[in-house]
Amino acid sequence: MMTDNIYYCDYDVLTHYSSGTLNSKHKTDLTGKLQEIDKIIYNDETITNSFKNGEYNSYITFDDLILYRIFGQFKSNISDKIKGARANGAFVSTEFAESLIDAKQRLALDPSWMNTKVYEAKILLLKGSEISLGIVAPVVTKSGTVLEGGADQILLPKGWSEDTIIGYRRVTSRQLLNKPYFSIKNKPDFDTIKKDKNIYKPVCPACGCDDVCILSDKDRFTVVGKNGGVYEMKFNCRNSECRYYW
């Protein structure tokens, strides 16, 4: 809610929007930026089947594109090896993660793939790149849960350079209210992740920025929600395009 130029959380009216709603306004528009080429054939059924109905087309990009990838790794307690999804994996999307749950549903991220979904990379794909584009296919997990998919799915050339990542962020548990904030400074180091206490730093629930001010007792204030609830604001986002209190 915005009042007296203060943008703050009114917990009385927090609602869950349909997955993809925020992206419908802010995701990368591919219109006029692609030229179709001969279909790239992948000798791996798991790749083909990851596209809805096995359907995709291949293109060369006419312009630089902003794309997003959800990833996350962890160290195995048994072998101490790092497992999970790398930042420079092949599958990316025009959509950013609206929340952990939305990303799991829209990208159909089966838990058995061990992608922790904790981080998101913002990628600058340079023009002249060859890609394949389709829609994320639904996935049925071992428990029988259906992850619907439905986001744009782009397959990048194998081994693309992490140098094209222009920012990282923590994925929020709550649905974003604004376009997400990314910083190149937020690159996670999975070799030291167990020692990194900063993974639990507060992040802005409105934009995902982790440059957050924890308000002192004297700076905290209360607001009255739409339905009469009284809430104390304890945090403030330092992102100049957000400035959210919660």
C-alpha atoms as a PDB file:
ATOM      1  CA  MET A   1       0.000   0.000   0.000  1.00  0.00           C
ATOM      2  CA  MET A   2       1.139   3.549  -0.718  1.00  0.00           C
ATOM      3  CA  THR A   3       0.182   6.417   1.581  1.00  0.00           C
ATOM      4  CA  ASP A   4       1.883   9.744   2.297  1.00  0.00           C
ATOM      5  CA  ASN A   5       4.629   8.660  -0.141  1.00  0.00           C
ATOM      6  CA  ILE A   6       5.387   5.626   2.038  1.00  0.00           C
ATOM      7  CA  TYR A   7       5.154   2.238   0.328  1.00  0.00           C
ATOM      8  CA  TYR A   8       4.448  -0.364   2.973  1.00  0.00           C
ATOM      9  CA  CYS A   9       3.011  -3.820   3.511  1.00  0.00           C
ATOM     10  CA  ASP A  10      -0.633  -3.969   4.478  1.00  0.00           C
ATOM     11  CA  TYR A  11      -0.887  -7.525   5.763  1.00  0.00           C
ATOM     12  CA  ASP A  12      -4.695  -7.202   5.807  1.00  0.00           C
ATOM     13  CA  VAL A  13      -4.898  -7.221   2.012  1.00  0.00           C
ATOM     14  CA  LEU A  14      -2.048  -9.491   0.959  1.00  0.00           C
ATOM     15  CA  THR A  15      -3.442 -11.721  -1.793  1.00  0.00           C
ATOM     16  CA  HIS A  16      -2.058 -14.460  -4.009  1.00  0.00           C
ATOM     17  CA  TYR A  17      -2.166 -13.659  -7.717  1.00  0.00           C
ATOM     18  CA  SER A  18      -2.289 -16.269 -10.470  1.00  0.00           C
ATOM     19  CA  SER A  19       1.149 -17.533 -11.526  1.00  0.00           C
ATOM     20  CA  GLY A  20       2.438 -15.604 -14.512  1.00  0.00           C
ATOM     21  CA  THR A  21       0.415 -12.445 -13.808  1.00  0.00           C
ATOM     22  CA  LEU A  22       3.377 -10.199 -12.955  1.00  0.00           C
ATOM     23  CA  ASN A  23       5.407 -11.697 -15.790  1.00  0.00           C
ATOM     24  CA  SER A  24       2.649 -10.868 -18.244  1.00  0.00           C
ATOM     25  CA  LYS A  25       3.604  -7.217 -17.683  1.00  0.00           C
ATOM     26  CA  HIS A  26       7.377  -7.465 -17.321  1.00  0.00           C
ATOM     27  CA  LYS A  27       8.816 -10.601 -18.960  1.00  0.00           C
ATOM     28  CA  THR A  28      11.078 -10.335 -22.009  1.00  0.00           C
ATOM     29  CA  ASP A  29       9.149  -9.726 -25.225  1.00  0.00           C
ATOM     30  CA  LEU A  30      10.628 -11.736 -28.113  1.00  0.00           C
ATOM     31  CA  THR A  31       8.568 -10.024 -30.804  1.00  0.00           C
ATOM     32  CA  GLY A  32      10.738  -9.105 -33.798  1.00  0.00           C
ATOM     33  CA  LYS A  33      13.913 -10.355 -32.105  1.00  0.00           C
ATOM     34  CA  LEU A  34      14.108 -13.860 -33.601  1.00  0.00           C
ATOM     35  CA  GLN A  35      14.536 -15.384 -37.045  1.00  0.00           C
ATOM     36  CA  GLU A  36      13.599 -19.028 -37.491  1.00  0.00           C
ATOM     37  CA  ILE A  37      16.347 -21.389 -38.644  1.00  0.00           C
ATOM     38  CA  ASP A  38      16.488 -25.119 -39.360  1.00  0.00           C
ATOM     39  CA  LYS A  39      15.311 -27.001 -36.315  1.00  0.00           C
ATOM     40  CA  ILE A  40      18.145 -28.044 -34.018  1.00  0.00           C
ATOM     41  CA  ILE A  41      17.833 -31.779 -33.374  1.00  0.00           C
ATOM     42  CA  TYR A  42      18.694 -33.045 -29.889  1.00  0.00           C
ATOM     43  CA  ASN A  43      19.633 -36.702 -29.518  1.00  0.00           C
ATOM     44  CA  ASP A  44      18.085 -36.836 -26.087  1.00  0.00           C
ATOM     45  CA  GLU A  45      14.395 -37.530 -25.520  1.00  0.00           C
ATOM     46  CA  THR A  46      14.466 -35.843 -22.126  1.00  0.00           C
ATOM     47  CA  ILE A  47      15.255 -32.552 -23.858  1.00  0.00           C
ATOM     48  CA  THR A  48      12.519 -32.933 -26.467  1.00  0.00           C
ATOM     49  CA  ASN A  49       9.985 -34.073 -23.864  1.00  0.00           C
ATOM     50  CA  SER A  50      10.745 -31.064 -21.658  1.00  0.00           C
ATOM     51  CA  PHE A  51       8.888 -28.946 -24.244  1.00  0.00           C
ATOM     52  CA  LYS A  52       5.088 -29.109 -24.181  1.00  0.00           C
ATOM     53  CA  ASN A  53       3.909 -31.783 -26.632  1.00  0.00           C
ATOM     54  CA  GLY A  54       7.556 -32.169 -27.684  1.00  0.00           C
ATOM     55  CA  GLU A  55       7.158 -29.028 -29.794  1.00  0.00           C
ATOM     56  CA  TYR A  56       9.796 -26.352 -30.235  1.00  0.00           C
ATOM     57  CA  ASN A  57      11.396 -24.262 -32.976  1.00  0.00           C
ATOM     58  CA  SER A  58      14.935 -22.998 -33.390  1.00  0.00           C
ATOM     59  CA  TYR A  59      15.967 -19.414 -33.994  1.00  0.00           C
ATOM     60  CA  ILE A  60      18.861 -16.998 -34.282  1.00  0.00           C
ATOM     61  CA  THR A  61      18.521 -13.869 -32.174  1.00  0.00           C
ATOM     62  CA  PHE A  62      18.378 -10.477 -33.904  1.00  0.00           C
ATOM     63  CA  ASP A  63      18.808  -8.520 -30.699  1.00  0.00           C
ATOM     64  CA  ASP A  64      20.259  -8.899 -27.212  1.00  0.00           C
ATOM     65  CA  LEU A  65      17.819 -10.677 -24.884  1.00  0.00           C
ATOM     66  CA  ILE A  66      17.324 -10.613 -21.124  1.00  0.00           C
ATOM     67  CA  LEU A  67      16.653 -14.142 -19.874  1.00  0.00           C
ATOM     68  CA  TYR A  68      16.387 -15.778 -16.469  1.00  0.00           C
ATOM     69  CA  ARG A  69      17.479 -19.049 -14.889  1.00  0.00           C
ATOM     70  CA  ILE A  70      16.499 -20.567 -11.538  1.00  0.00           C
ATOM     71  CA  PHE A  71      19.278 -22.572  -9.932  1.00  0.00           C
ATOM     72  CA  GLY A  72      20.670 -23.761  -6.640  1.00  0.00           C
ATOM     73  CA  GLN A  73      23.232 -26.251  -5.407  1.00  0.00           C
ATOM     74  CA  PHE A  74      24.191 -27.918  -2.156  1.00  0.00           C
ATOM     75  CA  LYS A  75      26.953 -30.067  -0.723  1.00  0.00           C
ATOM     76  CA  SER A  76      26.231 -33.740  -0.200  1.00  0.00           C
ATOM     77  CA  ASN A  77      26.788 -34.840   3.404  1.00  0.00           C
ATOM     78  CA  ILE A  78      28.054 -38.195   2.135  1.00  0.00           C
ATOM     79  CA  SER A  79      30.573 -37.275  -0.544  1.00  0.00           C
ATOM     80  CA  ASP A  80      30.926 -33.515   0.043  1.00  0.00           C
ATOM     81  CA  LYS A  81      30.313 -33.098  -3.684  1.00  0.00           C
ATOM     82  CA  ILE A  82      28.236 -30.193  -4.939  1.00  0.00           C
ATOM     83  CA  LYS A  83      24.897 -31.286  -6.379  1.00  0.00           C
ATOM     84  CA  GLY A  84      21.928 -29.509  -7.874  1.00  0.00           C
ATOM     85  CA  ALA A  85      21.426 -27.014 -10.692  1.00  0.00           C
ATOM     86  CA  ARG A  86      24.255 -24.827 -11.993  1.00  0.00           C
ATOM     87  CA  ALA A  87      23.902 -21.147 -12.870  1.00  0.00           C
ATOM     88  CA  ASN A  88      24.888 -21.853 -16.492  1.00  0.00           C
ATOM     89  CA  GLY A  89      22.581 -24.782 -17.159  1.00  0.00           C
ATOM     90  CA  ALA A  90      21.002 -24.973 -20.603  1.00  0.00           C
ATOM     91  CA  PHE A  91      17.358 -24.212 -19.785  1.00  0.00           C
ATOM     92  CA  VAL A  92      16.329 -20.587 -19.278  1.00  0.00           C
ATOM     93  CA  SER A  93      13.159 -18.527 -19.656  1.00  0.00           C
ATOM     94  CA  THR A  94      11.841 -15.108 -20.593  1.00  0.00           C
ATOM     95  CA  GLU A  95      10.118 -15.189 -17.189  1.00  0.00           C
ATOM     96  CA  PHE A  96      11.592 -14.403 -13.789  1.00  0.00           C
ATOM     97  CA  ALA A  97      10.514 -16.222 -10.637  1.00  0.00           C
ATOM     98  CA  GLU A  98       7.522 -14.528  -9.026  1.00  0.00           C
ATOM     99  CA  SER A  99       8.098 -16.724  -5.950  1.00  0.00           C
ATOM    100  CA  LEU A 100       9.547 -20.129  -5.085  1.00  0.00           C
ATOM    101  CA  ILE A 101       6.171 -21.829  -5.546  1.00  0.00           C
ATOM    102  CA  ASP A 102       5.367 -20.004  -8.774  1.00  0.00           C
ATOM    103  CA  ALA A 103       8.768 -20.899 -10.241  1.00  0.00           C
ATOM    104  CA  LYS A 104       8.282 -24.558  -9.289  1.00  0.00           C
ATOM    105  CA  GLN A 105       4.882 -24.602 -11.021  1.00  0.00           C
ATOM    106  CA  ARG A 106       5.567 -22.452 -14.110  1.00  0.00           C
ATOM    107  CA  LEU A 107       8.941 -24.100 -14.822  1.00  0.00           C
ATOM    108  CA  ALA A 108       7.791 -27.571 -13.692  1.00  0.00           C
ATOM    109  CA  LEU A 109      10.856 -28.084 -11.502  1.00  0.00           C
ATOM    110  CA  ASP A 110      10.659 -31.657 -10.250  1.00  0.00           C
ATOM    111  CA  PRO A 111      12.230 -31.928  -6.746  1.00  0.00           C
ATOM    112  CA  SER A 112      14.039 -35.102  -7.873  1.00  0.00           C
ATOM    113  CA  TRP A 113      16.264 -32.876 -10.063  1.00  0.00           C
ATOM    114  CA  MET A 114      17.705 -31.431  -6.832  1.00  0.00           C
ATOM    115  CA  ASN A 115      17.435 -27.824  -7.994  1.00  0.00           C
ATOM    116  CA  THR A 116      17.102 -25.930  -4.704  1.00  0.00           C
ATOM    117  CA  LYS A 117      15.535 -22.927  -6.547  1.00  0.00           C
ATOM    118  CA  VAL A 118      17.168 -20.562  -4.065  1.00  0.00           C
ATOM    119  CA  TYR A 119      18.791 -18.285  -6.662  1.00  0.00           C
ATOM    120  CA  GLU A 120      17.975 -16.690  -9.978  1.00  0.00           C
ATOM    121  CA  ALA A 121      20.423 -15.423 -12.596  1.00  0.00           C
ATOM    122  CA  LYS A 122      19.691 -12.578 -15.000  1.00  0.00           C
ATOM    123  CA  ILE A 123      21.364 -13.311 -18.341  1.00  0.00           C
ATOM    124  CA  LEU A 124      22.236 -11.008 -21.232  1.00  0.00           C
ATOM    125  CA  LEU A 125      22.107 -13.244 -24.294  1.00  0.00           C
ATOM    126  CA  LEU A 126      23.923 -11.499 -27.132  1.00  0.00           C
ATOM    127  CA  LYS A 127      22.412 -11.193 -30.582  1.00  0.00           C
ATOM    128  CA  GLY A 128      23.494 -13.825 -33.082  1.00  0.00           C
ATOM    129  CA  SER A 129      22.896 -16.686 -30.626  1.00  0.00           C
ATOM    130  CA  GLU A 130      21.155 -19.870 -31.759  1.00  0.00           C
ATOM    131  CA  ILE A 131      18.408 -21.064 -29.436  1.00  0.00           C
ATOM    132  CA  SER A 132      15.405 -23.357 -29.317  1.00  0.00           C
ATOM    133  CA  LEU A 133      12.102 -22.055 -27.999  1.00  0.00           C
ATOM    134  CA  GLY A 134       8.944 -23.746 -26.787  1.00  0.00           C
ATOM    135  CA  ILE A 135       6.712 -24.023 -23.712  1.00  0.00           C
ATOM    136  CA  VAL A 136       7.615 -25.846 -20.488  1.00  0.00           C
ATOM    137  CA  ALA A 137       5.863 -29.220 -20.439  1.00  0.00           C
ATOM    138  CA  PRO A 138       3.921 -30.417 -17.384  1.00  0.00           C
ATOM    139  CA  VAL A 139       5.727 -32.795 -15.051  1.00  0.00           C
ATOM    140  CA  VAL A 140       4.255 -35.419 -12.708  1.00  0.00           C
ATOM    141  CA  THR A 141       6.381 -35.890  -9.591  1.00  0.00           C
ATOM    142  CA  LYS A 142       6.936 -39.213  -7.807  1.00  0.00           C
ATOM    143  CA  SER A 143       4.223 -38.234  -5.326  1.00  0.00           C
ATOM    144  CA  GLY A 144       1.739 -37.747  -8.164  1.00  0.00           C
ATOM    145  CA  THR A 145       1.708 -33.954  -7.973  1.00  0.00           C
ATOM    146  CA  VAL A 146       1.281 -32.257 -11.349  1.00  0.00           C
ATOM    147  CA  LEU A 147       3.534 -29.275 -12.005  1.00  0.00           C
ATOM    148  CA  GLU A 148       1.733 -27.491 -14.803  1.00  0.00           C
ATOM    149  CA  GLY A 149       4.598 -25.689 -16.581  1.00  0.00           C
ATOM    150  CA  GLY A 150       3.475 -23.114 -19.125  1.00  0.00           C
ATOM    151  CA  ALA A 151       6.374 -20.645 -19.091  1.00  0.00           C
ATOM    152  CA  ASP A 152       8.467 -19.899 -22.159  1.00  0.00           C
ATOM    153  CA  GLN A 153      11.364 -22.372 -22.275  1.00  0.00           C
ATOM    154  CA  ILE A 154      14.566 -21.535 -24.103  1.00  0.00           C
ATOM    155  CA  LEU A 155      17.409 -23.975 -24.629  1.00  0.00           C
ATOM    156  CA  LEU A 156      20.781 -22.248 -24.894  1.00  0.00           C
ATOM    157  CA  PRO A 157      23.935 -23.603 -26.518  1.00  0.00           C
ATOM    158  CA  LYS A 158      25.707 -26.076 -24.234  1.00  0.00           C
ATOM    159  CA  GLY A 159      28.404 -24.547 -22.053  1.00  0.00           C
ATOM    160  CA  TRP A 160      27.389 -20.920 -22.470  1.00  0.00           C
ATOM    161  CA  SER A 161      29.596 -18.536 -20.513  1.00  0.00           C
ATOM    162  CA  GLU A 162      28.641 -17.329 -17.052  1.00  0.00           C
ATOM    163  CA  ASP A 163      30.258 -14.044 -18.064  1.00  0.00           C
ATOM    164  CA  THR A 164      26.923 -13.188 -19.702  1.00  0.00           C
ATOM    165  CA  ILE A 165      25.178 -13.251 -16.307  1.00  0.00           C
ATOM    166  CA  ILE A 166      24.587  -9.635 -15.321  1.00  0.00           C
ATOM    167  CA  GLY A 167      23.003 -10.189 -11.920  1.00  0.00           C
ATOM    168  CA  TYR A 168      21.890 -12.629  -9.259  1.00  0.00           C
ATOM    169  CA  ARG A 169      19.223 -12.585  -6.577  1.00  0.00           C
ATOM    170  CA  ARG A 170      17.605 -14.718  -3.894  1.00  0.00           C
ATOM    171  CA  VAL A 171      14.197 -16.041  -4.905  1.00  0.00           C
ATOM    172  CA  THR A 172      11.482 -14.853  -2.529  1.00  0.00           C
ATOM    173  CA  SER A 173       9.033 -17.131  -0.737  1.00  0.00           C
ATOM    174  CA  ARG A 174       6.352 -14.457  -1.041  1.00  0.00           C
ATOM    175  CA  GLN A 175       5.131 -13.349  -4.459  1.00  0.00           C
ATOM    176  CA  LEU A 176       6.928 -10.301  -5.837  1.00  0.00           C
ATOM    177  CA  LEU A 177       5.001  -7.055  -6.159  1.00  0.00           C
ATOM    178  CA  ASN A 178       7.526  -5.310  -8.429  1.00  0.00           C
ATOM    179  CA  LYS A 179      10.091  -6.242 -11.056  1.00  0.00           C
ATOM    180  CA  PRO A 180      12.911  -8.153  -9.330  1.00  0.00           C
ATOM    181  CA  TYR A 181      16.185  -6.532  -8.330  1.00  0.00           C
ATOM    182  CA  PHE A 182      19.438  -8.246  -9.363  1.00  0.00           C
ATOM    183  CA  SER A 183      23.034  -7.521  -8.404  1.00  0.00           C
ATOM    184  CA  ILE A 184      26.252  -8.991  -9.771  1.00  0.00           C
ATOM    185  CA  LYS A 185      27.563  -8.821  -6.191  1.00  0.00           C
ATOM    186  CA  ASN A 186      25.127 -11.523  -5.133  1.00  0.00           C
ATOM    187  CA  LYS A 187      26.871 -14.395  -6.914  1.00  0.00           C
ATOM    188  CA  PRO A 188      26.592 -17.404  -4.584  1.00  0.00           C
ATOM    189  CA  ASP A 189      29.656 -19.445  -3.688  1.00  0.00           C
ATOM    190  CA  PHE A 190      28.546 -23.028  -3.162  1.00  0.00           C
ATOM    191  CA  ASP A 191      31.984 -24.097  -1.943  1.00  0.00           C
ATOM    192  CA  THR A 192      31.419 -22.033   1.190  1.00  0.00           C
ATOM    193  CA  ILE A 193      27.634 -22.035   1.309  1.00  0.00           C
ATOM    194  CA  LYS A 194      27.470 -23.830   4.668  1.00  0.00           C
ATOM    195  CA  LYS A 195      29.627 -21.129   6.213  1.00  0.00           C
ATOM    196  CA  ASP A 196      27.765 -18.268   4.564  1.00  0.00           C
ATOM    197  CA  LYS A 197      25.441 -16.836   7.180  1.00  0.00           C
ATOM    198  CA  ASN A 198      24.365 -14.146   4.702  1.00  0.00           C
ATOM    199  CA  ILE A 199      22.100 -16.667   2.966  1.00  0.00           C
ATOM    200  CA  TYR A 200      19.614 -15.936   5.734  1.00  0.00           C
ATOM    201  CA  LYS A 201      19.741 -12.147   5.400  1.00  0.00           C
ATOM    202  CA  PRO A 202      16.322 -10.549   4.907  1.00  0.00           C
ATOM    203  CA  VAL A 203      15.339  -9.794   1.336  1.00  0.00           C
ATOM    204  CA  CYS A 204      12.655  -7.378   0.228  1.00  0.00           C
ATOM    205  CA  PRO A 205       9.428  -9.323  -0.390  1.00  0.00           C
ATOM    206  CA  ALA A 206       8.337  -6.739  -2.958  1.00  0.00           C
ATOM    207  CA  CYS A 207      11.372  -6.753  -5.300  1.00  0.00           C
ATOM    208  CA  GLY A 208      13.812  -9.334  -3.918  1.00  0.00           C
ATOM    209  CA  CYS A 209      16.589  -6.818  -3.175  1.00  0.00           C
ATOM    210  CA  ASP A 210      18.858  -7.924  -0.329  1.00  0.00           C
ATOM    211  CA  ASP A 211      20.093  -4.393   0.406  1.00  0.00           C
ATOM    212  CA  VAL A 212      17.761  -4.104   3.362  1.00  0.00           C
ATOM    213  CA  CYS A 213      17.807  -1.732   6.306  1.00  0.00           C
ATOM    214  CA  ILE A 214      16.815  -3.277   9.622  1.00  0.00           C
ATOM    215  CA  LEU A 215      15.088  -0.407  11.385  1.00  0.00           C
ATOM    216  CA  SER A 216      16.214   0.528  14.866  1.00  0.00           C
ATOM    217  CA  ASP A 217      13.643   0.616  17.651  1.00  0.00           C
ATOM    218  CA  LYS A 218      13.347   4.392  17.350  1.00  0.00           C
ATOM    219  CA  ASP A 219      12.854   4.243  13.568  1.00  0.00           C
ATOM    220  CA  ARG A 220      10.175   1.577  13.572  1.00  0.00           C
ATOM    221  CA  PHE A 221       6.589   2.687  13.104  1.00  0.00           C
ATOM    222  CA  THR A 222       3.145   1.140  13.016  1.00  0.00           C
ATOM    223  CA  VAL A 223       0.532   1.256  10.282  1.00  0.00           C
ATOM    224  CA  VAL A 224      -3.156   0.482  10.339  1.00  0.00           C
ATOM    225  CA  GLY A 225      -4.257  -1.994   7.687  1.00  0.00           C
ATOM    226  CA  LYS A 226      -7.363  -1.764   5.538  1.00  0.00           C
ATOM    227  CA  ASN A 227      -9.266  -4.046   7.895  1.00  0.00           C
ATOM    228  CA  GLY A 228      -8.013  -2.398  11.084  1.00  0.00           C
ATOM    229  CA  GLY A 229      -4.991  -4.562  11.787  1.00  0.00           C
ATOM    230  CA  VAL A 230      -2.010  -2.784  13.359  1.00  0.00           C
ATOM    231  CA  TYR A 231       1.441  -3.736  12.081  1.00  0.00           C
ATOM    232  CA  GLU A 232       4.969  -2.655  12.988  1.00  0.00           C
ATOM    233  CA  MET A 233       7.328  -1.930  10.100  1.00  0.00           C
ATOM    234  CA  LYS A 234      10.744  -3.439  10.909  1.00  0.00           C
ATOM    235  CA  PHE A 235      12.533  -3.402   7.528  1.00  0.00           C
ATOM    236  CA  ASN A 236      13.032  -1.040   4.597  1.00  0.00           C
ATOM    237  CA  CYS A 237      14.248  -1.854   1.080  1.00  0.00           C
ATOM    238  CA  ARG A 238      17.096   0.384  -0.127  1.00  0.00           C
ATOM    239  CA  ASN A 239      16.352  -0.235  -3.817  1.00  0.00           C
ATOM    240  CA  SER A 240      15.555   3.291  -5.044  1.00  0.00           C
ATOM    241  CA  GLU A 241      12.839   1.938  -7.334  1.00  0.00           C
ATOM    242  CA  CYS A 242      11.099   0.147  -4.486  1.00  0.00           C
ATOM    243  CA  ARG A 243      11.662   1.545  -0.950  1.00  0.00           C
ATOM    244  CA  TYR A 244       9.173  -0.937   0.496  1.00  0.00           C
ATOM    245  CA  TYR A 245       8.580  -1.154   4.259  1.00  0.00           C
ATOM    246  CA  TRP A 246       7.452  -4.362   5.972  1.00  0.00           C
END
